[in-house]
Amino acid sequence: MKKDERRVVSPWNIANILTVLRLALVPFFVVCLLLPGAGWRVAALAVFAVASITDHLDGELARRYGLITDFGKIADPIADKALIGAALVCLSILGELPWWVTGLIIGREVGITALRFMLLRHAVIPASYGGKVKTVLQIAAIVLYLLPFVPPVVRWVVMGAALVVTVATGVDYLIRAVRLRKVARQARGE
């Protein structure tokens, strides 16, 4: 294959199918979490775990087998935000997580996602290592909230760490976006 030729990857590949599956699992997770009873709580945890595993798996498959598509670049973060956001909102509705925590995390996620979309014509801001740590901490904190009998202090410590990393990576993305915009303007001679 010549350097300027690019392999066309079908959007209907296993990585994207897993992303769509994760998005489809969100309503089932919400229903399970909001229904009363320990059995439904365990079901919600199981659905959340499966969806979280697909988050890691779809990215790994896409990178390993060259299945990266424009659809995946857009759908994957949307599926991630939908799952995490739904979990946080449900936990707040249930009175288990303060609304300010949910608002801070969702506000950061929506803001950074909007920023990334605004900058798409200039370049893509890739996920940073800190962003990956943020996602792992958010998932871990949510799992601790879903599990019964976890001491509240353990939940708060992990959620606190998730909040700190969420805010710090949000600031980092903002700084990177400003630099990217400046470089793009310089390249255009503005």
N, C-alpha and C. Protein backbone atom coordinates (compact mmCIF):
# COMPACT_ATOMS: atom_id res chain seq x y z
N MET A 1 0.85 -1.18 0.00
CA MET A 1 0.00 0.00 0.00
C MET A 1 0.89 1.24 0.00
N LYS A 2 0.60 2.21 -0.85
CA LYS A 2 1.36 3.45 -0.92
C LYS A 2 1.06 4.30 0.30
N LYS A 3 1.99 5.24 0.58
CA LYS A 3 1.84 6.09 1.76
C LYS A 3 0.55 6.91 1.75
N ASP A 4 0.15 7.38 0.57
CA ASP A 4 -1.04 8.23 0.53
C ASP A 4 -2.34 7.45 0.42
N GLU A 5 -2.28 6.14 0.29
CA GLU A 5 -3.48 5.31 0.28
C GLU A 5 -3.86 4.94 1.70
N ARG A 6 -5.12 5.00 2.00
CA ARG A 6 -5.60 4.63 3.33
C ARG A 6 -6.59 3.50 3.21
N ARG A 7 -6.47 2.57 4.12
CA ARG A 7 -7.39 1.45 4.16
C ARG A 7 -8.74 1.96 4.67
N VAL A 8 -9.79 1.65 3.96
CA VAL A 8 -11.13 2.05 4.39
C VAL A 8 -11.64 0.98 5.35
N VAL A 9 -12.03 1.44 6.53
CA VAL A 9 -12.52 0.53 7.55
C VAL A 9 -14.02 0.72 7.66
N SER A 10 -14.74 -0.38 7.57
CA SER A 10 -16.20 -0.33 7.69
C SER A 10 -16.59 0.12 9.09
N PRO A 11 -17.60 0.99 9.19
CA PRO A 11 -18.07 1.35 10.53
C PRO A 11 -18.74 0.17 11.23
N TRP A 12 -19.12 -0.86 10.46
CA TRP A 12 -19.72 -2.05 11.06
C TRP A 12 -18.63 -3.05 11.40
N ASN A 13 -17.88 -2.75 12.43
CA ASN A 13 -16.84 -3.65 12.90
C ASN A 13 -17.07 -3.94 14.37
N ILE A 14 -16.34 -4.89 14.90
CA ILE A 14 -16.57 -5.36 16.27
C ILE A 14 -16.37 -4.24 17.31
N ALA A 15 -15.41 -3.37 17.09
CA ALA A 15 -15.17 -2.28 18.03
C ALA A 15 -16.38 -1.35 18.10
N ASN A 16 -16.91 -0.97 16.95
CA ASN A 16 -18.07 -0.07 16.93
C ASN A 16 -19.33 -0.76 17.42
N ILE A 17 -19.45 -2.04 17.14
CA ILE A 17 -20.61 -2.79 17.64
C ILE A 17 -20.60 -2.82 19.17
N LEU A 18 -19.41 -2.99 19.76
CA LEU A 18 -19.31 -2.96 21.23
C LEU A 18 -19.66 -1.57 21.77
N THR A 19 -19.27 -0.53 21.06
CA THR A 19 -19.61 0.83 21.48
C THR A 19 -21.13 1.03 21.46
N VAL A 20 -21.77 0.59 20.39
CA VAL A 20 -23.23 0.70 20.28
C VAL A 20 -23.90 -0.15 21.36
N LEU A 21 -23.36 -1.32 21.64
CA LEU A 21 -23.90 -2.17 22.71
C LEU A 21 -23.83 -1.44 24.05
N ARG A 22 -22.70 -0.79 24.31
CA ARG A 22 -22.56 -0.04 25.57
C ARG A 22 -23.62 1.04 25.67
N LEU A 23 -23.85 1.74 24.59
CA LEU A 23 -24.88 2.78 24.58
C LEU A 23 -26.27 2.17 24.80
N ALA A 24 -26.51 1.03 24.19
CA ALA A 24 -27.81 0.35 24.34
C ALA A 24 -28.03 -0.18 25.76
N LEU A 25 -26.95 -0.47 26.47
CA LEU A 25 -27.06 -0.99 27.84
C LEU A 25 -27.44 0.10 28.85
N VAL A 26 -27.23 1.35 28.50
CA VAL A 26 -27.49 2.44 29.45
C VAL A 26 -28.93 2.44 29.96
N PRO A 27 -29.95 2.37 29.11
CA PRO A 27 -31.33 2.36 29.65
C PRO A 27 -31.61 1.16 30.55
N PHE A 28 -31.05 -0.01 30.20
CA PHE A 28 -31.25 -1.19 31.05
C PHE A 28 -30.61 -0.97 32.42
N PHE A 29 -29.43 -0.38 32.42
CA PHE A 29 -28.74 -0.07 33.67
C PHE A 29 -29.60 0.87 34.53
N VAL A 30 -30.12 1.92 33.92
CA VAL A 30 -30.93 2.90 34.64
C VAL A 30 -32.16 2.23 35.26
N VAL A 31 -32.88 1.43 34.48
CA VAL A 31 -34.08 0.76 34.99
C VAL A 31 -33.71 -0.15 36.17
N CYS A 32 -32.67 -0.94 36.01
CA CYS A 32 -32.25 -1.85 37.09
C CYS A 32 -31.89 -1.09 38.35
N LEU A 33 -31.18 0.03 38.19
CA LEU A 33 -30.74 0.78 39.35
C LEU A 33 -31.89 1.47 40.07
N LEU A 34 -32.87 1.93 39.31
CA LEU A 34 -33.98 2.66 39.93
C LEU A 34 -35.07 1.75 40.51
N LEU A 35 -35.09 0.49 40.10
CA LEU A 35 -36.07 -0.43 40.68
C LEU A 35 -35.64 -0.82 42.09
N PRO A 36 -36.61 -0.94 43.01
CA PRO A 36 -36.25 -1.27 44.40
C PRO A 36 -35.86 -2.74 44.56
N GLY A 37 -34.99 -2.99 45.51
CA GLY A 37 -34.62 -4.36 45.83
C GLY A 37 -33.16 -4.66 45.54
N ALA A 38 -32.61 -5.52 46.38
CA ALA A 38 -31.19 -5.88 46.26
C ALA A 38 -30.90 -6.60 44.95
N GLY A 39 -31.83 -7.42 44.48
CA GLY A 39 -31.63 -8.15 43.23
C GLY A 39 -31.46 -7.20 42.05
N TRP A 40 -32.26 -6.13 42.02
CA TRP A 40 -32.15 -5.16 40.94
C TRP A 40 -30.84 -4.39 41.04
N ARG A 41 -30.40 -4.15 42.27
CA ARG A 41 -29.13 -3.44 42.47
C ARG A 41 -27.97 -4.28 41.93
N VAL A 42 -28.01 -5.58 42.19
CA VAL A 42 -26.98 -6.48 41.67
C VAL A 42 -27.05 -6.53 40.14
N ALA A 43 -28.27 -6.54 39.60
CA ALA A 43 -28.43 -6.54 38.15
C ALA A 43 -27.85 -5.25 37.55
N ALA A 44 -28.10 -4.12 38.22
CA ALA A 44 -27.53 -2.84 37.75
C ALA A 44 -26.01 -2.89 37.77
N LEU A 45 -25.46 -3.46 38.83
CA LEU A 45 -24.00 -3.60 38.92
C LEU A 45 -23.46 -4.48 37.78
N ALA A 46 -24.15 -5.56 37.50
CA ALA A 46 -23.72 -6.46 36.42
C ALA A 46 -23.77 -5.76 35.06
N VAL A 47 -24.85 -5.03 34.80
CA VAL A 47 -24.97 -4.31 33.52
C VAL A 47 -23.88 -3.24 33.43
N PHE A 48 -23.65 -2.53 34.53
CA PHE A 48 -22.61 -1.50 34.53
C PHE A 48 -21.24 -2.12 34.29
N ALA A 49 -20.98 -3.26 34.91
CA ALA A 49 -19.69 -3.94 34.73
C ALA A 49 -19.49 -4.36 33.28
N VAL A 50 -20.51 -4.96 32.67
CA VAL A 50 -20.41 -5.38 31.27
C VAL A 50 -20.16 -4.17 30.38
N ALA A 51 -20.93 -3.10 30.61
CA ALA A 51 -20.76 -1.89 29.79
C ALA A 51 -19.36 -1.30 29.98
N SER A 52 -18.86 -1.29 31.20
CA SER A 52 -17.52 -0.75 31.46
C SER A 52 -16.44 -1.59 30.80
N ILE A 53 -16.62 -2.89 30.79
CA ILE A 53 -15.65 -3.77 30.13
C ILE A 53 -15.64 -3.52 28.62
N THR A 54 -16.81 -3.28 28.04
CA THR A 54 -16.85 -3.00 26.60
C THR A 54 -16.12 -1.71 26.28
N ASP A 55 -16.08 -0.77 27.24
CA ASP A 55 -15.36 0.49 27.04
C ASP A 55 -13.88 0.21 26.80
N HIS A 56 -13.31 -0.65 27.61
CA HIS A 56 -11.89 -1.00 27.43
C HIS A 56 -11.70 -1.85 26.18
N LEU A 57 -12.58 -2.81 26.01
CA LEU A 57 -12.43 -3.78 24.93
C LEU A 57 -12.56 -3.16 23.54
N ASP A 58 -13.52 -2.26 23.36
CA ASP A 58 -13.69 -1.68 22.02
C ASP A 58 -12.48 -0.86 21.60
N GLY A 59 -11.91 -0.11 22.53
CA GLY A 59 -10.71 0.67 22.21
C GLY A 59 -9.51 -0.21 21.91
N GLU A 60 -9.36 -1.26 22.70
CA GLU A 60 -8.26 -2.19 22.49
C GLU A 60 -8.37 -2.86 21.12
N LEU A 61 -9.55 -3.34 20.78
CA LEU A 61 -9.76 -3.99 19.48
C LEU A 61 -9.54 -3.01 18.32
N ALA A 62 -10.04 -1.80 18.48
CA ALA A 62 -9.89 -0.80 17.41
C ALA A 62 -8.42 -0.50 17.14
N ARG A 63 -7.64 -0.33 18.21
CA ARG A 63 -6.21 -0.03 18.03
C ARG A 63 -5.45 -1.24 17.50
N ARG A 64 -5.69 -2.40 18.08
CA ARG A 64 -4.93 -3.59 17.72
C ARG A 64 -5.17 -4.03 16.29
N TYR A 65 -6.41 -3.94 15.83
CA TYR A 65 -6.75 -4.46 14.50
C TYR A 65 -7.02 -3.36 13.47
N GLY A 66 -6.67 -2.14 13.80
CA GLY A 66 -6.84 -1.06 12.84
C GLY A 66 -8.28 -0.79 12.49
N LEU A 67 -9.15 -0.83 13.48
CA LEU A 67 -10.59 -0.65 13.25
C LEU A 67 -11.07 0.74 13.67
N ILE A 68 -10.16 1.69 13.73
CA ILE A 68 -10.52 3.04 14.15
C ILE A 68 -11.29 3.72 13.02
N THR A 69 -12.46 4.24 13.36
CA THR A 69 -13.32 4.92 12.38
C THR A 69 -13.75 6.27 12.93
N ASP A 70 -14.21 7.15 12.05
CA ASP A 70 -14.75 8.43 12.50
C ASP A 70 -15.96 8.20 13.40
N PHE A 71 -16.79 7.22 13.02
CA PHE A 71 -17.95 6.89 13.86
C PHE A 71 -17.50 6.53 15.28
N GLY A 72 -16.50 5.68 15.39
CA GLY A 72 -16.00 5.25 16.69
C GLY A 72 -15.42 6.40 17.50
N LYS A 73 -14.72 7.32 16.82
CA LYS A 73 -14.13 8.47 17.51
C LYS A 73 -15.20 9.35 18.14
N ILE A 74 -16.37 9.39 17.50
CA ILE A 74 -17.47 10.21 18.02
C ILE A 74 -18.35 9.41 18.98
N ALA A 75 -18.70 8.18 18.61
CA ALA A 75 -19.65 7.39 19.40
C ALA A 75 -19.05 6.90 20.72
N ASP A 76 -17.76 6.55 20.72
CA ASP A 76 -17.16 6.00 21.94
C ASP A 76 -17.23 6.97 23.11
N PRO A 77 -16.79 8.23 22.96
CA PRO A 77 -16.90 9.13 24.11
C PRO A 77 -18.35 9.43 24.49
N ILE A 78 -19.25 9.43 23.50
CA ILE A 78 -20.67 9.66 23.82
C ILE A 78 -21.20 8.51 24.67
N ALA A 79 -20.86 7.28 24.29
CA ALA A 79 -21.30 6.11 25.07
C ALA A 79 -20.71 6.15 26.48
N ASP A 80 -19.45 6.55 26.59
CA ASP A 80 -18.81 6.65 27.90
C ASP A 80 -19.53 7.67 28.78
N LYS A 81 -19.78 8.84 28.21
CA LYS A 81 -20.43 9.92 28.97
C LYS A 81 -21.85 9.53 29.34
N ALA A 82 -22.55 8.82 28.45
CA ALA A 82 -23.92 8.41 28.73
C ALA A 82 -23.95 7.43 29.91
N LEU A 83 -23.03 6.47 29.92
CA LEU A 83 -23.00 5.48 31.00
C LEU A 83 -22.65 6.12 32.34
N ILE A 84 -21.57 6.88 32.36
CA ILE A 84 -21.14 7.52 33.61
C ILE A 84 -22.19 8.53 34.07
N GLY A 85 -22.67 9.34 33.13
CA GLY A 85 -23.67 10.35 33.49
C GLY A 85 -24.95 9.74 34.02
N ALA A 86 -25.42 8.67 33.39
CA ALA A 86 -26.64 8.00 33.86
C ALA A 86 -26.44 7.45 35.27
N ALA A 87 -25.28 6.87 35.51
CA ALA A 87 -25.01 6.32 36.84
C ALA A 87 -25.00 7.42 37.90
N LEU A 88 -24.34 8.52 37.61
CA LEU A 88 -24.26 9.61 38.57
C LEU A 88 -25.63 10.22 38.83
N VAL A 89 -26.39 10.46 37.77
CA VAL A 89 -27.73 11.05 37.94
C VAL A 89 -28.62 10.10 38.76
N CYS A 90 -28.59 8.82 38.46
CA CYS A 90 -29.42 7.86 39.20
C CYS A 90 -29.01 7.81 40.67
N LEU A 91 -27.71 7.81 40.94
CA LEU A 91 -27.26 7.79 42.33
C LEU A 91 -27.69 9.06 43.06
N SER A 92 -27.72 10.18 42.36
CA SER A 92 -28.20 11.42 42.98
C SER A 92 -29.71 11.38 43.19
N ILE A 93 -30.44 10.85 42.22
CA ILE A 93 -31.90 10.71 42.37
C ILE A 93 -32.22 9.84 43.59
N LEU A 94 -31.42 8.81 43.78
CA LEU A 94 -31.63 7.90 44.91
C LEU A 94 -31.15 8.48 46.23
N GLY A 95 -30.54 9.66 46.19
CA GLY A 95 -30.06 10.32 47.40
C GLY A 95 -28.76 9.74 47.94
N GLU A 96 -28.03 9.01 47.11
CA GLU A 96 -26.79 8.38 47.56
C GLU A 96 -25.55 9.19 47.21
N LEU A 97 -25.71 10.12 46.30
CA LEU A 97 -24.58 10.95 45.86
C LEU A 97 -25.07 12.39 45.77
N PRO A 98 -24.36 13.33 46.37
CA PRO A 98 -24.82 14.73 46.29
C PRO A 98 -24.89 15.22 44.84
N TRP A 99 -25.88 16.05 44.58
CA TRP A 99 -26.07 16.56 43.22
C TRP A 99 -24.89 17.41 42.76
N TRP A 100 -24.20 18.08 43.69
CA TRP A 100 -23.08 18.92 43.26
C TRP A 100 -21.96 18.08 42.66
N VAL A 101 -21.78 16.85 43.16
CA VAL A 101 -20.76 15.96 42.59
C VAL A 101 -21.16 15.58 41.17
N THR A 102 -22.41 15.18 41.02
CA THR A 102 -22.93 14.82 39.69
C THR A 102 -22.81 16.01 38.73
N GLY A 103 -23.21 17.19 39.20
CA GLY A 103 -23.15 18.38 38.36
C GLY A 103 -21.74 18.74 37.94
N LEU A 104 -20.80 18.64 38.86
CA LEU A 104 -19.40 18.96 38.56
C LEU A 104 -18.83 18.01 37.50
N ILE A 105 -19.05 16.73 37.70
CA ILE A 105 -18.51 15.74 36.75
C ILE A 105 -19.18 15.86 35.39
N ILE A 106 -20.50 15.94 35.37
CA ILE A 106 -21.21 16.05 34.09
C ILE A 106 -20.89 17.37 33.41
N GLY A 107 -20.80 18.44 34.18
CA GLY A 107 -20.43 19.74 33.59
C GLY A 107 -19.08 19.70 32.92
N ARG A 108 -18.11 19.08 33.57
CA ARG A 108 -16.77 18.94 32.99
C ARG A 108 -16.83 18.11 31.72
N GLU A 109 -17.55 16.98 31.77
CA GLU A 109 -17.62 16.09 30.62
C GLU A 109 -18.29 16.76 29.42
N VAL A 110 -19.40 17.44 29.67
CA VAL A 110 -20.11 18.13 28.58
C VAL A 110 -19.24 19.26 28.04
N GLY A 111 -18.60 20.02 28.91
CA GLY A 111 -17.75 21.12 28.48
C GLY A 111 -16.58 20.66 27.63
N ILE A 112 -15.88 19.63 28.07
CA ILE A 112 -14.73 19.14 27.32
C ILE A 112 -15.17 18.50 26.01
N THR A 113 -16.29 17.78 26.02
CA THR A 113 -16.79 17.19 24.78
C THR A 113 -17.15 18.29 23.78
N ALA A 114 -17.81 19.34 24.23
CA ALA A 114 -18.14 20.46 23.35
C ALA A 114 -16.88 21.12 22.82
N LEU A 115 -15.89 21.29 23.67
CA LEU A 115 -14.61 21.86 23.26
C LEU A 115 -13.94 21.01 22.19
N ARG A 116 -13.96 19.72 22.38
CA ARG A 116 -13.35 18.82 21.39
C ARG A 116 -14.07 18.92 20.05
N PHE A 117 -15.40 19.00 20.07
CA PHE A 117 -16.14 19.13 18.82
C PHE A 117 -15.84 20.47 18.13
N MET A 118 -15.70 21.54 18.92
CA MET A 118 -15.39 22.85 18.33
C MET A 118 -14.01 22.85 17.67
N LEU A 119 -13.09 22.08 18.20
CA LEU A 119 -11.73 22.06 17.68
C LEU A 119 -11.51 21.01 16.59
N LEU A 120 -12.53 20.22 16.27
CA LEU A 120 -12.38 19.13 15.30
C LEU A 120 -11.83 19.60 13.95
N ARG A 121 -12.21 20.79 13.53
CA ARG A 121 -11.72 21.24 12.22
C ARG A 121 -10.24 21.58 12.25
N HIS A 122 -9.68 21.82 13.43
CA HIS A 122 -8.25 22.12 13.56
C HIS A 122 -7.45 20.85 13.81
N ALA A 123 -7.92 20.06 14.75
CA ALA A 123 -7.21 18.82 15.11
C ALA A 123 -8.02 18.12 16.20
N VAL A 124 -7.63 16.89 16.46
CA VAL A 124 -8.26 16.10 17.52
C VAL A 124 -7.36 16.17 18.74
N ILE A 125 -7.96 16.47 19.88
CA ILE A 125 -7.20 16.41 21.12
C ILE A 125 -7.33 14.97 21.61
N PRO A 126 -6.25 14.21 21.56
CA PRO A 126 -6.34 12.81 21.97
C PRO A 126 -6.56 12.67 23.47
N ALA A 127 -7.10 11.54 23.85
CA ALA A 127 -7.28 11.26 25.27
C ALA A 127 -5.90 11.21 25.93
N SER A 128 -5.79 11.82 27.07
CA SER A 128 -4.52 11.82 27.79
C SER A 128 -4.51 10.67 28.78
N TYR A 129 -3.34 10.39 29.31
CA TYR A 129 -3.22 9.37 30.35
C TYR A 129 -4.10 9.76 31.54
N GLY A 130 -4.08 11.04 31.89
CA GLY A 130 -4.91 11.52 33.00
C GLY A 130 -6.39 11.31 32.73
N GLY A 131 -6.80 11.47 31.48
CA GLY A 131 -8.20 11.23 31.12
C GLY A 131 -8.58 9.77 31.31
N LYS A 132 -7.64 8.88 31.01
CA LYS A 132 -7.90 7.45 31.22
C LYS A 132 -7.97 7.13 32.71
N VAL A 133 -7.09 7.75 33.50
CA VAL A 133 -7.13 7.56 34.96
C VAL A 133 -8.45 8.08 35.51
N LYS A 134 -8.89 9.23 34.99
CA LYS A 134 -10.16 9.81 35.42
C LYS A 134 -11.31 8.84 35.19
N THR A 135 -11.34 8.24 34.01
CA THR A 135 -12.41 7.30 33.68
C THR A 135 -12.37 6.10 34.61
N VAL A 136 -11.20 5.56 34.85
CA VAL A 136 -11.06 4.40 35.75
C VAL A 136 -11.53 4.77 37.16
N LEU A 137 -11.13 5.93 37.64
CA LEU A 137 -11.55 6.35 38.99
C LEU A 137 -13.06 6.58 39.06
N GLN A 138 -13.63 7.17 38.02
CA GLN A 138 -15.08 7.37 38.02
C GLN A 138 -15.81 6.03 38.04
N ILE A 139 -15.35 5.09 37.22
CA ILE A 139 -15.97 3.77 37.19
C ILE A 139 -15.82 3.07 38.54
N ALA A 140 -14.62 3.13 39.11
CA ALA A 140 -14.38 2.50 40.42
C ALA A 140 -15.29 3.10 41.49
N ALA A 141 -15.41 4.42 41.48
CA ALA A 141 -16.26 5.08 42.48
C ALA A 141 -17.72 4.65 42.31
N ILE A 142 -18.19 4.61 41.08
CA ILE A 142 -19.58 4.20 40.84
C ILE A 142 -19.79 2.76 41.28
N VAL A 143 -18.85 1.88 40.97
CA VAL A 143 -18.97 0.48 41.40
C VAL A 143 -19.06 0.41 42.92
N LEU A 144 -18.27 1.21 43.62
CA LEU A 144 -18.32 1.20 45.10
C LEU A 144 -19.68 1.68 45.61
N TYR A 145 -20.29 2.62 44.88
CA TYR A 145 -21.63 3.07 45.27
C TYR A 145 -22.69 2.01 44.96
N LEU A 146 -22.45 1.21 43.94
CA LEU A 146 -23.42 0.18 43.58
C LEU A 146 -23.33 -1.04 44.49
N LEU A 147 -22.13 -1.29 45.01
CA LEU A 147 -21.94 -2.44 45.89
C LEU A 147 -22.57 -2.18 47.27
N PRO A 148 -23.27 -3.18 47.81
CA PRO A 148 -23.79 -3.00 49.17
C PRO A 148 -22.67 -3.16 50.20
N PHE A 149 -22.85 -2.58 51.32
CA PHE A 149 -21.97 -2.77 52.48
C PHE A 149 -20.57 -2.18 52.33
N VAL A 150 -20.37 -1.27 51.39
CA VAL A 150 -19.08 -0.58 51.30
C VAL A 150 -19.14 0.61 52.25
N PRO A 151 -18.17 0.74 53.13
CA PRO A 151 -18.18 1.87 54.07
C PRO A 151 -18.22 3.21 53.32
N PRO A 152 -19.04 4.14 53.78
CA PRO A 152 -19.15 5.43 53.09
C PRO A 152 -17.81 6.15 52.91
N VAL A 153 -16.92 6.01 53.86
CA VAL A 153 -15.62 6.70 53.75
C VAL A 153 -14.83 6.18 52.56
N VAL A 154 -14.94 4.90 52.26
CA VAL A 154 -14.23 4.33 51.10
C VAL A 154 -14.83 4.91 49.82
N ARG A 155 -16.15 4.98 49.77
CA ARG A 155 -16.80 5.55 48.59
C ARG A 155 -16.35 6.99 48.37
N TRP A 156 -16.34 7.76 49.46
CA TRP A 156 -15.99 9.18 49.35
C TRP A 156 -14.54 9.39 48.98
N VAL A 157 -13.65 8.57 49.48
CA VAL A 157 -12.22 8.73 49.14
C VAL A 157 -12.02 8.50 47.64
N VAL A 158 -12.61 7.44 47.11
CA VAL A 158 -12.45 7.14 45.68
C VAL A 158 -13.18 8.19 44.83
N MET A 159 -14.38 8.58 45.25
CA MET A 159 -15.10 9.61 44.49
C MET A 159 -14.35 10.94 44.59
N GLY A 160 -13.76 11.24 45.74
CA GLY A 160 -12.96 12.47 45.89
C GLY A 160 -11.77 12.46 44.93
N ALA A 161 -11.09 11.31 44.84
CA ALA A 161 -9.98 11.20 43.90
C ALA A 161 -10.47 11.38 42.47
N ALA A 162 -11.62 10.79 42.16
CA ALA A 162 -12.20 10.94 40.82
C ALA A 162 -12.51 12.41 40.53
N LEU A 163 -13.05 13.12 41.52
CA LEU A 163 -13.37 14.54 41.34
C LEU A 163 -12.11 15.37 41.08
N VAL A 164 -11.07 15.13 41.88
CA VAL A 164 -9.82 15.88 41.72
C VAL A 164 -9.23 15.66 40.32
N VAL A 165 -9.17 14.39 39.90
CA VAL A 165 -8.60 14.08 38.59
C VAL A 165 -9.52 14.59 37.47
N THR A 166 -10.83 14.54 37.68
CA THR A 166 -11.78 15.06 36.69
C THR A 166 -11.55 16.55 36.46
N VAL A 167 -11.42 17.32 37.52
CA VAL A 167 -11.20 18.76 37.39
C VAL A 167 -9.81 19.04 36.80
N ALA A 168 -8.79 18.35 37.30
CA ALA A 168 -7.42 18.57 36.82
C ALA A 168 -7.29 18.26 35.32
N THR A 169 -7.88 17.16 34.89
CA THR A 169 -7.79 16.83 33.46
C THR A 169 -8.64 17.78 32.62
N GLY A 170 -9.71 18.30 33.19
CA GLY A 170 -10.50 19.31 32.48
C GLY A 170 -9.68 20.56 32.24
N VAL A 171 -8.95 21.00 33.25
CA VAL A 171 -8.06 22.16 33.10
C VAL A 171 -6.97 21.86 32.08
N ASP A 172 -6.40 20.64 32.14
CA ASP A 172 -5.36 20.24 31.19
C ASP A 172 -5.89 20.28 29.75
N TYR A 173 -7.08 19.74 29.52
CA TYR A 173 -7.67 19.78 28.17
C TYR A 173 -7.88 21.22 27.71
N LEU A 174 -8.31 22.07 28.61
CA LEU A 174 -8.54 23.48 28.27
C LEU A 174 -7.23 24.14 27.85
N ILE A 175 -6.17 23.90 28.59
CA ILE A 175 -4.86 24.46 28.25
C ILE A 175 -4.38 23.92 26.90
N ARG A 176 -4.55 22.62 26.69
CA ARG A 176 -4.15 22.02 25.41
C ARG A 176 -4.96 22.57 24.25
N ALA A 177 -6.24 22.84 24.48
CA ALA A 177 -7.09 23.40 23.44
C ALA A 177 -6.66 24.81 23.07
N VAL A 178 -6.32 25.62 24.07
CA VAL A 178 -5.87 26.99 23.80
C VAL A 178 -4.57 26.95 22.99
N ARG A 179 -3.65 26.07 23.38
CA ARG A 179 -2.39 25.94 22.63
C ARG A 179 -2.65 25.48 21.19
N LEU A 180 -3.53 24.51 21.04
CA LEU A 180 -3.86 23.99 19.71
C LEU A 180 -4.45 25.10 18.84
N ARG A 181 -5.34 25.86 19.41
CA ARG A 181 -5.97 26.97 18.68
C ARG A 181 -4.93 27.99 18.26
N LYS A 182 -4.00 28.29 19.17
CA LYS A 182 -2.94 29.25 18.87
C LYS A 182 -2.06 28.74 17.73
N VAL A 183 -1.69 27.46 17.76
CA VAL A 183 -0.87 26.86 16.70
C VAL A 183 -1.62 26.90 15.37
N ALA A 184 -2.92 26.60 15.41
CA ALA A 184 -3.72 26.61 14.19
C ALA A 184 -3.79 28.02 13.60
N ARG A 185 -3.93 29.03 14.44
CA ARG A 185 -3.98 30.41 13.96
C ARG A 185 -2.63 30.82 13.36
N GLN A 186 -1.55 30.42 14.02
CA GLN A 186 -0.22 30.73 13.50
C GLN A 186 0.01 30.06 12.14
N ALA A 187 -0.47 28.84 12.01
CA ALA A 187 -0.30 28.13 10.74
C ALA A 187 -1.07 28.81 9.61
N ARG A 188 -2.19 29.45 9.96
CA ARG A 188 -2.98 30.16 8.95
C ARG A 188 -2.47 31.59 8.74
N GLY A 189 -1.49 32.00 9.55
CA GLY A 189 -0.91 33.35 9.42
C GLY A 189 -1.74 34.44 10.04
N GLU A 190 -2.55 34.10 11.01
CA GLU A 190 -3.40 35.11 11.68
C GLU A 190 -2.63 35.79 12.78
